[in-house]
Amino acid sequence: MIKHLGGRKLGRTTEHRRAMLRNMATSLILHERVRTTLSKAKELRPFTEKIITQAKHGKHQAVRSLIQNRVAVKKLFDVLAERYAKRPGGYIQILRLVNRVGDGATQGLVRLVQ
């Protein structure tokens, strides 16, 4: 029986994929928007939403193990956790953009909901 438990591999090894998601999540927290391909955006959403939920519940060690940037961690706990304190989820919005000129890849804008 097929369970379909895995996510997108994005043509990368596990270590590279995890590092890429951590870097993209850090950029999203710092800048509150990231432009990337649609498949990367769809993988980034649950990864980052779990981090924001952990910050809301005050789980410092869990967040620091995933986000290494001190400025991003500070913003996560001081600004974003307070902003989303009463929101039950759905902190991230993905907007489709025009295809990239070079290779025609579908682009998306990932941004934090105000």
C-alpha atoms as a PDB file:
ATOM      1  CA  MET A   1       0.000   0.000   0.000  1.00  0.00           C
ATOM      2  CA  ILE A   2       1.377   3.395  -1.014  1.00  0.00           C
ATOM      3  CA  LYS A   3       1.256   6.043   1.732  1.00  0.00           C
ATOM      4  CA  HIS A   4       2.632   9.171  -0.033  1.00  0.00           C
ATOM      5  CA  LEU A   5       4.411  10.404   3.077  1.00  0.00           C
ATOM      6  CA  GLY A   6       7.418  12.075   1.485  1.00  0.00           C
ATOM      7  CA  GLY A   7       7.654  15.660   0.380  1.00  0.00           C
ATOM      8  CA  ARG A   8       9.252  17.080  -2.745  1.00  0.00           C
ATOM      9  CA  LYS A   9      12.901  16.207  -3.205  1.00  0.00           C
ATOM     10  CA  LEU A  10      13.634  19.274  -5.354  1.00  0.00           C
ATOM     11  CA  GLY A  11      16.603  17.540  -7.008  1.00  0.00           C
ATOM     12  CA  ARG A  12      18.748  17.770  -3.882  1.00  0.00           C
ATOM     13  CA  THR A  13      20.163  15.484  -1.249  1.00  0.00           C
ATOM     14  CA  THR A  14      18.519  15.433   2.169  1.00  0.00           C
ATOM     15  CA  GLU A  15      21.189  17.586   3.782  1.00  0.00           C
ATOM     16  CA  HIS A  16      21.115  20.138   0.977  1.00  0.00           C
ATOM     17  CA  ARG A  17      17.318  20.284   1.033  1.00  0.00           C
ATOM     18  CA  ARG A  18      17.187  20.807   4.815  1.00  0.00           C
ATOM     19  CA  ALA A  19      19.866  23.516   4.632  1.00  0.00           C
ATOM     20  CA  MET A  20      18.006  25.252   1.806  1.00  0.00           C
ATOM     21  CA  LEU A  21      14.720  25.229   3.741  1.00  0.00           C
ATOM     22  CA  ARG A  22      16.429  26.574   6.857  1.00  0.00           C
ATOM     23  CA  ASN A  23      18.054  29.384   4.853  1.00  0.00           C
ATOM     24  CA  MET A  24      14.805  30.244   3.089  1.00  0.00           C
ATOM     25  CA  ALA A  25      12.900  30.228   6.396  1.00  0.00           C
ATOM     26  CA  THR A  26      15.491  32.580   7.894  1.00  0.00           C
ATOM     27  CA  SER A  27      15.155  34.942   4.919  1.00  0.00           C
ATOM     28  CA  LEU A  28      11.373  34.800   5.160  1.00  0.00           C
ATOM     29  CA  ILE A  29      11.459  35.671   8.853  1.00  0.00           C
ATOM     30  CA  LEU A  30      13.889  38.545   8.331  1.00  0.00           C
ATOM     31  CA  HIS A  31      12.395  40.087   5.185  1.00  0.00           C
ATOM     32  CA  GLU A  32       8.802  38.789   5.497  1.00  0.00           C
ATOM     33  CA  ARG A  33       8.752  37.863   1.797  1.00  0.00           C
ATOM     34  CA  VAL A  34      10.762  35.589  -0.480  1.00  0.00           C
ATOM     35  CA  ARG A  35      10.542  35.083  -4.227  1.00  0.00           C
ATOM     36  CA  THR A  36      11.246  31.506  -5.318  1.00  0.00           C
ATOM     37  CA  THR A  37       9.905  28.698  -7.476  1.00  0.00           C
ATOM     38  CA  LEU A  38       6.420  27.457  -6.689  1.00  0.00           C
ATOM     39  CA  SER A  39       7.510  23.965  -5.637  1.00  0.00           C
ATOM     40  CA  LYS A  40      10.081  25.373  -3.181  1.00  0.00           C
ATOM     41  CA  ALA A  41       7.432  27.756  -1.859  1.00  0.00           C
ATOM     42  CA  LYS A  42       5.032  24.880  -1.228  1.00  0.00           C
ATOM     43  CA  GLU A  43       7.725  23.035   0.729  1.00  0.00           C
ATOM     44  CA  LEU A  44       8.687  26.161   2.666  1.00  0.00           C
ATOM     45  CA  ARG A  45       5.176  26.876   3.954  1.00  0.00           C
ATOM     46  CA  PRO A  46       4.718  23.942   6.403  1.00  0.00           C
ATOM     47  CA  PHE A  47       8.376  24.119   7.464  1.00  0.00           C
ATOM     48  CA  THR A  48       8.122  27.783   8.467  1.00  0.00           C
ATOM     49  CA  GLU A  49       4.628  27.544   9.940  1.00  0.00           C
ATOM     50  CA  LYS A  50       5.833  24.876  12.364  1.00  0.00           C
ATOM     51  CA  ILE A  51       8.691  27.154  13.431  1.00  0.00           C
ATOM     52  CA  ILE A  52       6.322  30.076  14.031  1.00  0.00           C
ATOM     53  CA  THR A  53       3.968  27.851  16.035  1.00  0.00           C
ATOM     54  CA  GLN A  54       6.870  26.677  18.209  1.00  0.00           C
ATOM     55  CA  ALA A  55       7.835  30.315  18.795  1.00  0.00           C
ATOM     56  CA  LYS A  56       4.254  31.104  19.819  1.00  0.00           C
ATOM     57  CA  HIS A  57       4.410  28.357  22.438  1.00  0.00           C
ATOM     58  CA  GLY A  58       7.778  29.590  23.715  1.00  0.00           C
ATOM     59  CA  LYS A  59       9.888  26.611  22.649  1.00  0.00           C
ATOM     60  CA  HIS A  60      13.217  28.423  22.401  1.00  0.00           C
ATOM     61  CA  GLN A  61      15.469  25.394  21.990  1.00  0.00           C
ATOM     62  CA  ALA A  62      13.379  23.894  19.182  1.00  0.00           C
ATOM     63  CA  VAL A  63      13.451  27.164  17.253  1.00  0.00           C
ATOM     64  CA  ARG A  64      17.162  27.770  17.808  1.00  0.00           C
ATOM     65  CA  SER A  65      18.000  24.294  16.521  1.00  0.00           C
ATOM     66  CA  LEU A  66      16.373  25.169  13.183  1.00  0.00           C
ATOM     67  CA  ILE A  67      17.117  28.903  12.847  1.00  0.00           C
ATOM     68  CA  GLN A  68      20.771  29.770  13.455  1.00  0.00           C
ATOM     69  CA  ASN A  69      20.571  33.530  12.848  1.00  0.00           C
ATOM     70  CA  ARG A  70      20.256  35.419  16.151  1.00  0.00           C
ATOM     71  CA  VAL A  71      18.525  38.408  14.582  1.00  0.00           C
ATOM     72  CA  ALA A  72      15.907  36.133  12.992  1.00  0.00           C
ATOM     73  CA  VAL A  73      15.301  34.293  16.278  1.00  0.00           C
ATOM     74  CA  LYS A  74      14.900  37.593  18.124  1.00  0.00           C
ATOM     75  CA  LYS A  75      12.427  38.880  15.536  1.00  0.00           C
ATOM     76  CA  LEU A  76      10.580  35.574  15.623  1.00  0.00           C
ATOM     77  CA  PHE A  77       9.995  35.706  19.382  1.00  0.00           C
ATOM     78  CA  ASP A  78       9.573  39.473  19.800  1.00  0.00           C
ATOM     79  CA  VAL A  79       7.571  40.460  16.720  1.00  0.00           C
ATOM     80  CA  LEU A  80       6.055  37.451  14.949  1.00  0.00           C
ATOM     81  CA  ALA A  81       5.013  35.438  18.013  1.00  0.00           C
ATOM     82  CA  GLU A  82       3.089  38.459  19.308  1.00  0.00           C
ATOM     83  CA  ARG A  83       1.591  39.203  15.890  1.00  0.00           C
ATOM     84  CA  TYR A  84       0.237  35.664  15.497  1.00  0.00           C
ATOM     85  CA  ALA A  85      -0.647  35.021  19.162  1.00  0.00           C
ATOM     86  CA  LYS A  86      -4.385  34.748  18.492  1.00  0.00           C
ATOM     87  CA  ARG A  87      -4.156  33.280  14.999  1.00  0.00           C
ATOM     88  CA  PRO A  88      -4.663  29.474  14.932  1.00  0.00           C
ATOM     89  CA  GLY A  89      -2.439  28.926  11.874  1.00  0.00           C
ATOM     90  CA  GLY A  90      -2.063  29.989   8.264  1.00  0.00           C
ATOM     91  CA  TYR A  91       0.717  32.507   8.768  1.00  0.00           C
ATOM     92  CA  ILE A  92       2.074  32.253   5.219  1.00  0.00           C
ATOM     93  CA  GLN A  93       0.572  33.157   1.873  1.00  0.00           C
ATOM     94  CA  ILE A  94       1.850  31.978  -1.524  1.00  0.00           C
ATOM     95  CA  LEU A  95       1.123  34.136  -4.559  1.00  0.00           C
ATOM     96  CA  ARG A  96       1.798  32.947  -8.091  1.00  0.00           C
ATOM     97  CA  LEU A  97       3.958  35.176 -10.265  1.00  0.00           C
ATOM     98  CA  VAL A  98       4.838  35.103 -13.950  1.00  0.00           C
ATOM     99  CA  ASN A  99       7.154  32.388 -15.195  1.00  0.00           C
ATOM    100  CA  ARG A 100      10.897  33.001 -15.047  1.00  0.00           C
ATOM    101  CA  VAL A 101      12.341  34.236 -18.339  1.00  0.00           C
ATOM    102  CA  GLY A 102      15.425  31.996 -18.432  1.00  0.00           C
ATOM    103  CA  ASP A 103      13.872  28.562 -18.011  1.00  0.00           C
ATOM    104  CA  GLY A 104      10.128  29.169 -17.728  1.00  0.00           C
ATOM    105  CA  ALA A 105       9.900  27.923 -14.135  1.00  0.00           C
ATOM    106  CA  THR A 106       6.735  28.909 -12.284  1.00  0.00           C
ATOM    107  CA  GLN A 107       7.578  31.572  -9.703  1.00  0.00           C
ATOM    108  CA  GLY A 108       5.875  32.289  -6.415  1.00  0.00           C
ATOM    109  CA  LEU A 109       6.026  34.976  -3.752  1.00  0.00           C
ATOM    110  CA  VAL A 110       5.964  33.644  -0.207  1.00  0.00           C
ATOM    111  CA  ARG A 111       4.972  36.245   2.362  1.00  0.00           C
ATOM    112  CA  LEU A 112       3.874  36.438   5.959  1.00  0.00           C
ATOM    113  CA  VAL A 113       0.242  37.380   6.486  1.00  0.00           C
ATOM    114  CA  GLN A 114      -0.283  40.670   8.320  1.00  0.00           C
END
